[in-house]
Amino acid sequence: MAKQIYNGSTDKRIIGMKIMNGELKEEDLKDYLESLPDVSANADKVTVVMEKKDRPVS
């Protein structure tokens, strides 16, 4: 089992603040992210068709 170096929020703003405050090292985060498994094969393709509707000018 990989050593878990970060178990907080995955919000990039919070991670950025933790790096700036010295609570988390960038290289530790990089190592952790590289240790995560590739699960891209589990993704489903989603097709979205957007229709433009004319709106009256107010």
PDB file of N, CA and C in Angstrom:
ATOM      1  N   MET A   1       0.849  -1.185   0.000  1.00  0.00           N
ATOM      2  CA  MET A   1       0.000   0.000   0.000  1.00  0.00           C
ATOM      3  C   MET A   1       0.888   1.239   0.000  1.00  0.00           C
ATOM      4  N   ALA A   2       0.564   2.201  -0.854  1.00  0.00           N
ATOM      5  CA  ALA A   2       1.354   3.416  -0.960  1.00  0.00           C
ATOM      6  C   ALA A   2       1.167   4.292   0.270  1.00  0.00           C
ATOM      7  N   LYS A   3       2.251   4.966   0.665  1.00  0.00           N
ATOM      8  CA  LYS A   3       2.193   5.880   1.784  1.00  0.00           C
ATOM      9  C   LYS A   3       1.294   7.047   1.415  1.00  0.00           C
ATOM     10  N   GLN A   4       0.307   7.337   2.240  1.00  0.00           N
ATOM     11  CA  GLN A   4      -0.596   8.440   1.955  1.00  0.00           C
ATOM     12  C   GLN A   4      -0.007   9.700   2.581  1.00  0.00           C
ATOM     13  N   ILE A   5       0.399  10.646   1.741  1.00  0.00           N
ATOM     14  CA  ILE A   5       1.007  11.861   2.244  1.00  0.00           C
ATOM     15  C   ILE A   5      -0.001  12.990   2.376  1.00  0.00           C
ATOM     16  N   TYR A   6      -1.156  12.842   1.768  1.00  0.00           N
ATOM     17  CA  TYR A   6      -2.148  13.905   1.810  1.00  0.00           C
ATOM     18  C   TYR A   6      -3.535  13.296   1.861  1.00  0.00           C
ATOM     19  N   ASN A   7      -4.295  13.670   2.879  1.00  0.00           N
ATOM     20  CA  ASN A   7      -5.647  13.120   2.995  1.00  0.00           C
ATOM     21  C   ASN A   7      -6.685  14.209   3.224  1.00  0.00           C
ATOM     22  N   GLY A   8      -6.364  15.442   2.833  1.00  0.00           N
ATOM     23  CA  GLY A   8      -7.293  16.553   3.001  1.00  0.00           C
ATOM     24  C   GLY A   8      -8.103  16.814   1.751  1.00  0.00           C
ATOM     25  N   SER A   9      -8.555  18.028   1.627  1.00  0.00           N
ATOM     26  CA  SER A   9      -9.360  18.445   0.487  1.00  0.00           C
ATOM     27  C   SER A   9      -8.550  18.354  -0.797  1.00  0.00           C
ATOM     28  N   THR A  10      -9.212  18.005  -1.887  1.00  0.00           N
ATOM     29  CA  THR A  10      -8.539  17.945  -3.179  1.00  0.00           C
ATOM     30  C   THR A  10      -8.744  19.229  -3.969  1.00  0.00           C
ATOM     31  N   ASP A  11      -9.306  20.243  -3.333  1.00  0.00           N
ATOM     32  CA  ASP A  11      -9.488  21.538  -3.988  1.00  0.00           C
ATOM     33  C   ASP A  11      -8.119  22.165  -4.219  1.00  0.00           C
ATOM     34  N   LYS A  12      -7.832  22.549  -5.453  1.00  0.00           N
ATOM     35  CA  LYS A  12      -6.497  23.038  -5.790  1.00  0.00           C
ATOM     36  C   LYS A  12      -6.149  24.324  -5.047  1.00  0.00           C
ATOM     37  N   ARG A  13      -7.131  25.110  -4.647  1.00  0.00           N
ATOM     38  CA  ARG A  13      -6.843  26.332  -3.892  1.00  0.00           C
ATOM     39  C   ARG A  13      -6.350  25.993  -2.492  1.00  0.00           C
ATOM     40  N   ILE A  14      -6.955  24.990  -1.861  1.00  0.00           N
ATOM     41  CA  ILE A  14      -6.530  24.583  -0.523  1.00  0.00           C
ATOM     42  C   ILE A  14      -5.161  23.928  -0.584  1.00  0.00           C
ATOM     43  N   ILE A  15      -4.933  23.085  -1.586  1.00  0.00           N
ATOM     44  CA  ILE A  15      -3.622  22.463  -1.748  1.00  0.00           C
ATOM     45  C   ILE A  15      -2.565  23.533  -1.971  1.00  0.00           C
ATOM     46  N   GLY A  16      -2.875  24.540  -2.792  1.00  0.00           N
ATOM     47  CA  GLY A  16      -1.940  25.641  -3.028  1.00  0.00           C
ATOM     48  C   GLY A  16      -1.607  26.394  -1.753  1.00  0.00           C
ATOM     49  N   MET A  17      -2.605  26.638  -0.911  1.00  0.00           N
ATOM     50  CA  MET A  17      -2.368  27.321   0.360  1.00  0.00           C
ATOM     51  C   MET A  17      -1.495  26.478   1.274  1.00  0.00           C
ATOM     52  N   LYS A  18      -1.731  25.164   1.305  1.00  0.00           N
ATOM     53  CA  LYS A  18      -0.923  24.291   2.153  1.00  0.00           C
ATOM     54  C   LYS A  18       0.528  24.256   1.683  1.00  0.00           C
ATOM     55  N   ILE A  19       0.749  24.318   0.379  1.00  0.00           N
ATOM     56  CA  ILE A  19       2.109  24.363  -0.153  1.00  0.00           C
ATOM     57  C   ILE A  19       2.759  25.696   0.228  1.00  0.00           C
ATOM     58  N   MET A  20       2.029  26.803   0.082  1.00  0.00           N
ATOM     59  CA  MET A  20       2.564  28.121   0.419  1.00  0.00           C
ATOM     60  C   MET A  20       2.876  28.240   1.903  1.00  0.00           C
ATOM     61  N   ASN A  21       2.064  27.603   2.758  1.00  0.00           N
ATOM     62  CA  ASN A  21       2.273  27.659   4.204  1.00  0.00           C
ATOM     63  C   ASN A  21       3.324  26.670   4.688  1.00  0.00           C
ATOM     64  N   GLY A  22       3.810  25.808   3.798  1.00  0.00           N
ATOM     65  CA  GLY A  22       4.817  24.834   4.182  1.00  0.00           C
ATOM     66  C   GLY A  22       4.252  23.578   4.822  1.00  0.00           C
ATOM     67  N   GLU A  23       2.934  23.419   4.799  1.00  0.00           N
ATOM     68  CA  GLU A  23       2.301  22.229   5.370  1.00  0.00           C
ATOM     69  C   GLU A  23       2.442  21.026   4.443  1.00  0.00           C
ATOM     70  N   LEU A  24       2.718  21.282   3.174  1.00  0.00           N
ATOM     71  CA  LEU A  24       2.809  20.231   2.171  1.00  0.00           C
ATOM     72  C   LEU A  24       3.904  20.614   1.193  1.00  0.00           C
ATOM     73  N   LYS A  25       4.784  19.663   0.893  1.00  0.00           N
ATOM     74  CA  LYS A  25       5.852  19.917  -0.069  1.00  0.00           C
ATOM     75  C   LYS A  25       5.366  19.556  -1.460  1.00  0.00           C
ATOM     76  N   GLU A  26       5.745  20.383  -2.447  1.00  0.00           N
ATOM     77  CA  GLU A  26       5.327  20.142  -3.829  1.00  0.00           C
ATOM     78  C   GLU A  26       5.786  18.778  -4.326  1.00  0.00           C
ATOM     79  N   GLU A  27       7.016  18.404  -4.007  1.00  0.00           N
ATOM     80  CA  GLU A  27       7.524  17.120  -4.496  1.00  0.00           C
ATOM     81  C   GLU A  27       6.807  15.948  -3.831  1.00  0.00           C
ATOM     82  N   ASP A  28       6.375  16.109  -2.564  1.00  0.00           N
ATOM     83  CA  ASP A  28       5.593  15.050  -1.921  1.00  0.00           C
ATOM     84  C   ASP A  28       4.236  14.899  -2.596  1.00  0.00           C
ATOM     85  N   LEU A  29       3.618  16.019  -2.944  1.00  0.00           N
ATOM     86  CA  LEU A  29       2.334  15.973  -3.641  1.00  0.00           C
ATOM     87  C   LEU A  29       2.509  15.323  -5.004  1.00  0.00           C
ATOM     88  N   LYS A  30       3.568  15.691  -5.723  1.00  0.00           N
ATOM     89  CA  LYS A  30       3.834  15.113  -7.038  1.00  0.00           C
ATOM     90  C   LYS A  30       4.019  13.596  -6.936  1.00  0.00           C
ATOM     91  N   ASP A  31       4.812  13.153  -5.957  1.00  0.00           N
ATOM     92  CA  ASP A  31       5.024  11.712  -5.763  1.00  0.00           C
ATOM     93  C   ASP A  31       3.710  11.005  -5.464  1.00  0.00           C
ATOM     94  N   TYR A  32       2.874  11.628  -4.625  1.00  0.00           N
ATOM     95  CA  TYR A  32       1.586  11.037  -4.274  1.00  0.00           C
ATOM     96  C   TYR A  32       0.692  10.911  -5.517  1.00  0.00           C
ATOM     97  N   LEU A  33       0.617  11.982  -6.309  1.00  0.00           N
ATOM     98  CA  LEU A  33      -0.235  11.958  -7.504  1.00  0.00           C
ATOM     99  C   LEU A  33       0.244  10.918  -8.508  1.00  0.00           C
ATOM    100  N   GLU A  34       1.562  10.759  -8.629  1.00  0.00           N
ATOM    101  CA  GLU A  34       2.099   9.743  -9.543  1.00  0.00           C
ATOM    102  C   GLU A  34       1.827   8.325  -9.046  1.00  0.00           C
ATOM    103  N   SER A  35       1.618   8.159  -7.737  1.00  0.00           N
ATOM    104  CA  SER A  35       1.363   6.822  -7.188  1.00  0.00           C
ATOM    105  C   SER A  35      -0.090   6.378  -7.353  1.00  0.00           C
ATOM    106  N   LEU A  36      -0.976   7.308  -7.718  1.00  0.00           N
ATOM    107  CA  LEU A  36      -2.389   6.956  -7.872  1.00  0.00           C
ATOM    108  C   LEU A  36      -2.577   6.074  -9.106  1.00  0.00           C
ATOM    109  N   PRO A  37      -3.488   5.108  -9.036  1.00  0.00           N
ATOM    110  CA  PRO A  37      -3.704   4.228 -10.190  1.00  0.00           C
ATOM    111  C   PRO A  37      -4.403   4.964 -11.338  1.00  0.00           C
ATOM    112  N   ASP A  38      -4.150   4.511 -12.546  1.00  0.00           N
ATOM    113  CA  ASP A  38      -4.793   5.062 -13.737  1.00  0.00           C
ATOM    114  C   ASP A  38      -6.140   4.370 -13.905  1.00  0.00           C
ATOM    115  N   VAL A  39      -7.211   5.099 -13.671  1.00  0.00           N
ATOM    116  CA  VAL A  39      -8.554   4.526 -13.784  1.00  0.00           C
ATOM    117  C   VAL A  39      -9.312   5.117 -14.972  1.00  0.00           C
ATOM    118  N   SER A  40      -8.580   5.674 -15.924  1.00  0.00           N
ATOM    119  CA  SER A  40      -9.227   6.306 -17.075  1.00  0.00           C
ATOM    120  C   SER A  40     -10.030   5.308 -17.909  1.00  0.00           C
ATOM    121  N   ALA A  41      -9.697   4.033 -17.826  1.00  0.00           N
ATOM    122  CA  ALA A  41     -10.445   3.022 -18.573  1.00  0.00           C
ATOM    123  C   ALA A  41     -11.873   2.873 -18.042  1.00  0.00           C
ATOM    124  N   ASN A  42     -12.130   3.364 -16.831  1.00  0.00           N
ATOM    125  CA  ASN A  42     -13.465   3.269 -16.236  1.00  0.00           C
ATOM    126  C   ASN A  42     -14.382   4.419 -16.654  1.00  0.00           C
ATOM    127  N   ALA A  43     -13.854   5.383 -17.386  1.00  0.00           N
ATOM    128  CA  ALA A  43     -14.637   6.559 -17.772  1.00  0.00           C
ATOM    129  C   ALA A  43     -15.638   6.209 -18.870  1.00  0.00           C
ATOM    130  N   ASP A  44     -16.771   6.875 -18.821  1.00  0.00           N
ATOM    131  CA  ASP A  44     -17.780   6.732 -19.866  1.00  0.00           C
ATOM    132  C   ASP A  44     -17.735   7.958 -20.765  1.00  0.00           C
ATOM    133  N   LYS A  45     -17.926   7.748 -22.063  1.00  0.00           N
ATOM    134  CA  LYS A  45     -17.970   8.846 -23.011  1.00  0.00           C
ATOM    135  C   LYS A  45     -19.340   9.494 -22.927  1.00  0.00           C
ATOM    136  N   VAL A  46     -19.351  10.816 -22.871  1.00  0.00           N
ATOM    137  CA  VAL A  46     -20.597  11.570 -22.790  1.00  0.00           C
ATOM    138  C   VAL A  46     -20.637  12.543 -23.957  1.00  0.00           C
ATOM    139  N   THR A  47     -21.714  12.500 -24.723  1.00  0.00           N
ATOM    140  CA  THR A  47     -21.890  13.414 -25.840  1.00  0.00           C
ATOM    141  C   THR A  47     -22.992  14.394 -25.485  1.00  0.00           C
ATOM    142  N   VAL A  48     -22.684  15.666 -25.614  1.00  0.00           N
ATOM    143  CA  VAL A  48     -23.656  16.709 -25.294  1.00  0.00           C
ATOM    144  C   VAL A  48     -23.915  17.519 -26.560  1.00  0.00           C
ATOM    145  N   VAL A  49     -25.180  17.640 -26.909  1.00  0.00           N
ATOM    146  CA  VAL A  49     -25.565  18.426 -28.072  1.00  0.00           C
ATOM    147  C   VAL A  49     -26.211  19.703 -27.555  1.00  0.00           C
ATOM    148  N   MET A  50     -25.618  20.818 -27.900  1.00  0.00           N
ATOM    149  CA  MET A  50     -26.145  22.112 -27.450  1.00  0.00           C
ATOM    150  C   MET A  50     -26.899  22.747 -28.609  1.00  0.00           C
ATOM    151  N   GLU A  51     -28.101  23.196 -28.329  1.00  0.00           N
ATOM    152  CA  GLU A  51     -28.895  23.881 -29.337  1.00  0.00           C
ATOM    153  C   GLU A  51     -28.953  25.354 -28.996  1.00  0.00           C
ATOM    154  N   LYS A  52     -28.713  26.192 -29.981  1.00  0.00           N
ATOM    155  CA  LYS A  52     -28.803  27.622 -29.762  1.00  0.00           C
ATOM    156  C   LYS A  52     -30.238  28.045 -29.982  1.00  0.00           C
ATOM    157  N   LYS A  53     -30.809  28.699 -28.971  1.00  0.00           N
ATOM    158  CA  LYS A  53     -32.164  29.192 -29.079  1.00  0.00           C
ATOM    159  C   LYS A  53     -32.105  30.706 -29.095  1.00  0.00           C
ATOM    160  N   ASP A  54     -32.796  31.293 -30.050  1.00  0.00           N
ATOM    161  CA  ASP A  54     -32.844  32.752 -30.124  1.00  0.00           C
ATOM    162  C   ASP A  54     -33.724  33.269 -29.006  1.00  0.00           C
ATOM    163  N   ARG A  55     -33.192  34.263 -28.299  1.00  0.00           N
ATOM    164  CA  ARG A  55     -33.970  34.897 -27.234  1.00  0.00           C
ATOM    165  C   ARG A  55     -34.332  36.306 -27.674  1.00  0.00           C
ATOM    166  N   PRO A  56     -35.531  36.724 -27.360  1.00  0.00           N
ATOM    167  CA  PRO A  56     -35.902  38.091 -27.719  1.00  0.00           C
ATOM    168  C   PRO A  56     -35.083  39.102 -26.927  1.00  0.00           C
ATOM    169  N   VAL A  57     -34.721  40.207 -27.555  1.00  0.00           N
ATOM    170  CA  VAL A  57     -33.969  41.263 -26.896  1.00  0.00           C
ATOM    171  C   VAL A  57     -34.909  42.061 -26.021  1.00  0.00           C
ATOM    172  N   SER A  58     -34.548  42.281 -24.774  1.00  0.00           N
ATOM    173  CA  SER A  58     -35.406  43.041 -23.864  1.00  0.00           C
ATOM    174  C   SER A  58     -35.095  44.507 -23.885  1.00  0.00           C
TER     175      SER A  58
END
